Amino acid sequence: MLQATNPQECAASFVAMGDEPLRNIIAAMHAVELGAPRIIARGTDHEHARILRKLGDIQVILPKQDMGRYLAERMHADAEKARKKSEKSNA
């Protein structure tokens, strides 16, 4: 099925085949073999990401880790903003 999409003629191929890491690894391997110029794959954890990157030049996205990092940064920024506002009102 991947071959029918002519991945070598696409700007990028996105690999996200559910929660089973092996499916993403196999799909990414086929995309590499078919000559996809850019491959973006969803990883489940850092070990899975490491395996995907071993297949070639693959950009790996880790949604759970990325969202956790985003929320932590957002909470920190909000707390910092509240602290500064409190300092201004107490000054």
C-alpha atoms as a PDB file:
ATOM      1  CA  MET A   1       0.000   0.000   0.000  1.00  0.00           C
ATOM      2  CA  LEU A   2       2.826   2.419   0.830  1.00  0.00           C
ATOM      3  CA  GLN A   3       4.404   1.763  -2.556  1.00  0.00           C
ATOM      4  CA  ALA A   4       1.160   2.780  -4.311  1.00  0.00           C
ATOM      5  CA  THR A   5       1.464   6.269  -2.789  1.00  0.00           C
ATOM      6  CA  ASN A   6       4.867   6.839  -4.460  1.00  0.00           C
ATOM      7  CA  PRO A   7       6.568   8.131  -1.298  1.00  0.00           C
ATOM      8  CA  GLN A   8       9.669   9.115  -3.273  1.00  0.00           C
ATOM      9  CA  GLU A   9       7.528  11.758  -5.006  1.00  0.00           C
ATOM     10  CA  CYS A  10       6.001  13.174  -1.810  1.00  0.00           C
ATOM     11  CA  ALA A  11       7.458  16.017   0.222  1.00  0.00           C
ATOM     12  CA  ALA A  12       7.201  13.885   3.370  1.00  0.00           C
ATOM     13  CA  SER A  13       5.833  10.601   4.651  1.00  0.00           C
ATOM     14  CA  PHE A  14       4.203  10.460   8.072  1.00  0.00           C
ATOM     15  CA  VAL A  15       4.283   7.136   9.919  1.00  0.00           C
ATOM     16  CA  ALA A  16       1.828   6.656  12.800  1.00  0.00           C
ATOM     17  CA  MET A  17       0.429   3.135  12.887  1.00  0.00           C
ATOM     18  CA  GLY A  18      -1.300   2.951  16.273  1.00  0.00           C
ATOM     19  CA  ASP A  19       0.300   2.079  19.592  1.00  0.00           C
ATOM     20  CA  GLU A  20       2.230  -0.969  18.387  1.00  0.00           C
ATOM     21  CA  PRO A  21       5.884   0.138  17.987  1.00  0.00           C
ATOM     22  CA  LEU A  22       6.785  -2.690  15.608  1.00  0.00           C
ATOM     23  CA  ARG A  23       4.214  -1.501  13.047  1.00  0.00           C
ATOM     24  CA  ASN A  24       5.793   1.961  12.947  1.00  0.00           C
ATOM     25  CA  ILE A  25       9.277   0.464  12.659  1.00  0.00           C
ATOM     26  CA  ILE A  26       8.254  -1.726   9.711  1.00  0.00           C
ATOM     27  CA  ALA A  27       6.358   1.096   7.974  1.00  0.00           C
ATOM     28  CA  ALA A  28       9.293   3.482   8.435  1.00  0.00           C
ATOM     29  CA  MET A  29      11.696   0.836   7.107  1.00  0.00           C
ATOM     30  CA  HIS A  30       9.557   0.453   3.979  1.00  0.00           C
ATOM     31  CA  ALA A  31       9.402   4.241   3.517  1.00  0.00           C
ATOM     32  CA  VAL A  32      13.220   4.365   3.679  1.00  0.00           C
ATOM     33  CA  GLU A  33      13.526   1.484   1.196  1.00  0.00           C
ATOM     34  CA  LEU A  34      11.080   3.184  -1.184  1.00  0.00           C
ATOM     35  CA  GLY A  35      13.143   6.376  -1.156  1.00  0.00           C
ATOM     36  CA  ALA A  36      10.906   8.761   0.774  1.00  0.00           C
ATOM     37  CA  PRO A  37      12.838  12.067   0.961  1.00  0.00           C
ATOM     38  CA  ARG A  38      11.551  12.947   4.443  1.00  0.00           C
ATOM     39  CA  ILE A  39      10.053  10.653   7.039  1.00  0.00           C
ATOM     40  CA  ILE A  40       8.295  11.787  10.197  1.00  0.00           C
ATOM     41  CA  ALA A  41       7.381   8.978  12.584  1.00  0.00           C
ATOM     42  CA  ARG A  42       5.462   8.874  15.844  1.00  0.00           C
ATOM     43  CA  GLY A  43       7.387   7.118  18.577  1.00  0.00           C
ATOM     44  CA  THR A  44       6.037   5.663  21.773  1.00  0.00           C
ATOM     45  CA  ASP A  45       9.133   6.175  23.948  1.00  0.00           C
ATOM     46  CA  HIS A  46      12.830   7.028  23.731  1.00  0.00           C
ATOM     47  CA  GLU A  47      13.877   3.441  22.964  1.00  0.00           C
ATOM     48  CA  HIS A  48      11.392   3.253  20.091  1.00  0.00           C
ATOM     49  CA  ALA A  49      12.652   6.627  18.827  1.00  0.00           C
ATOM     50  CA  ARG A  50      16.247   5.373  18.921  1.00  0.00           C
ATOM     51  CA  ILE A  51      15.329   2.325  16.819  1.00  0.00           C
ATOM     52  CA  LEU A  52      13.448   4.470  14.288  1.00  0.00           C
ATOM     53  CA  ARG A  53      16.426   6.829  13.935  1.00  0.00           C
ATOM     54  CA  LYS A  54      18.737   3.851  13.299  1.00  0.00           C
ATOM     55  CA  LEU A  55      16.745   3.148  10.132  1.00  0.00           C
ATOM     56  CA  GLY A  56      17.857   6.411   8.529  1.00  0.00           C
ATOM     57  CA  ASP A  57      17.214  10.133   8.597  1.00  0.00           C
ATOM     58  CA  ILE A  58      13.870   9.975  10.385  1.00  0.00           C
ATOM     59  CA  GLN A  59      12.353  12.792  12.423  1.00  0.00           C
ATOM     60  CA  VAL A  60      10.679  11.226  15.454  1.00  0.00           C
ATOM     61  CA  ILE A  61       7.821  12.829  17.344  1.00  0.00           C
ATOM     62  CA  LEU A  62       7.067  11.659  20.891  1.00  0.00           C
ATOM     63  CA  PRO A  63       3.557  13.085  21.552  1.00  0.00           C
ATOM     64  CA  LYS A  64       3.275  12.097  25.222  1.00  0.00           C
ATOM     65  CA  GLN A  65       6.682  13.499  26.138  1.00  0.00           C
ATOM     66  CA  ASP A  66       6.194  16.594  23.967  1.00  0.00           C
ATOM     67  CA  MET A  67       2.817  17.363  25.564  1.00  0.00           C
ATOM     68  CA  GLY A  68       4.216  16.808  29.059  1.00  0.00           C
ATOM     69  CA  ARG A  69       7.081  19.212  28.321  1.00  0.00           C
ATOM     70  CA  TYR A  70       4.652  21.774  26.866  1.00  0.00           C
ATOM     71  CA  LEU A  71       2.380  21.617  29.933  1.00  0.00           C
ATOM     72  CA  ALA A  72       5.308  21.912  32.347  1.00  0.00           C
ATOM     73  CA  GLU A  73       6.649  24.952  30.482  1.00  0.00           C
ATOM     74  CA  ARG A  74       3.179  26.517  30.364  1.00  0.00           C
ATOM     75  CA  MET A  75       2.624  25.983  34.092  1.00  0.00           C
ATOM     76  CA  HIS A  76       6.035  27.461  34.865  1.00  0.00           C
ATOM     77  CA  ALA A  77       5.347  30.521  32.688  1.00  0.00           C
ATOM     78  CA  ASP A  78       1.933  31.037  34.309  1.00  0.00           C
ATOM     79  CA  ALA A  79       3.429  30.747  37.808  1.00  0.00           C
ATOM     80  CA  GLU A  80       6.170  33.222  36.893  1.00  0.00           C
ATOM     81  CA  LYS A  81       3.598  35.660  35.511  1.00  0.00           C
ATOM     82  CA  ALA A  82       1.517  35.375  38.713  1.00  0.00           C
ATOM     83  CA  ARG A  83       4.627  35.900  40.878  1.00  0.00           C
ATOM     84  CA  LYS A  84       5.575  39.072  38.983  1.00  0.00           C
ATOM     85  CA  LYS A  85       2.020  40.372  39.198  1.00  0.00           C
ATOM     86  CA  SER A  86       1.993  39.721  42.946  1.00  0.00           C
ATOM     87  CA  GLU A  87       5.349  41.521  43.368  1.00  0.00           C
ATOM     88  CA  LYS A  88       4.020  44.562  41.475  1.00  0.00           C
ATOM     89  CA  SER A  89       0.873  44.767  43.597  1.00  0.00           C
ATOM     90  CA  ASN A  90       2.918  44.452  46.825  1.00  0.00           C
ATOM     91  CA  ALA A  91       5.417  47.138  45.797  1.00  0.00           C
END
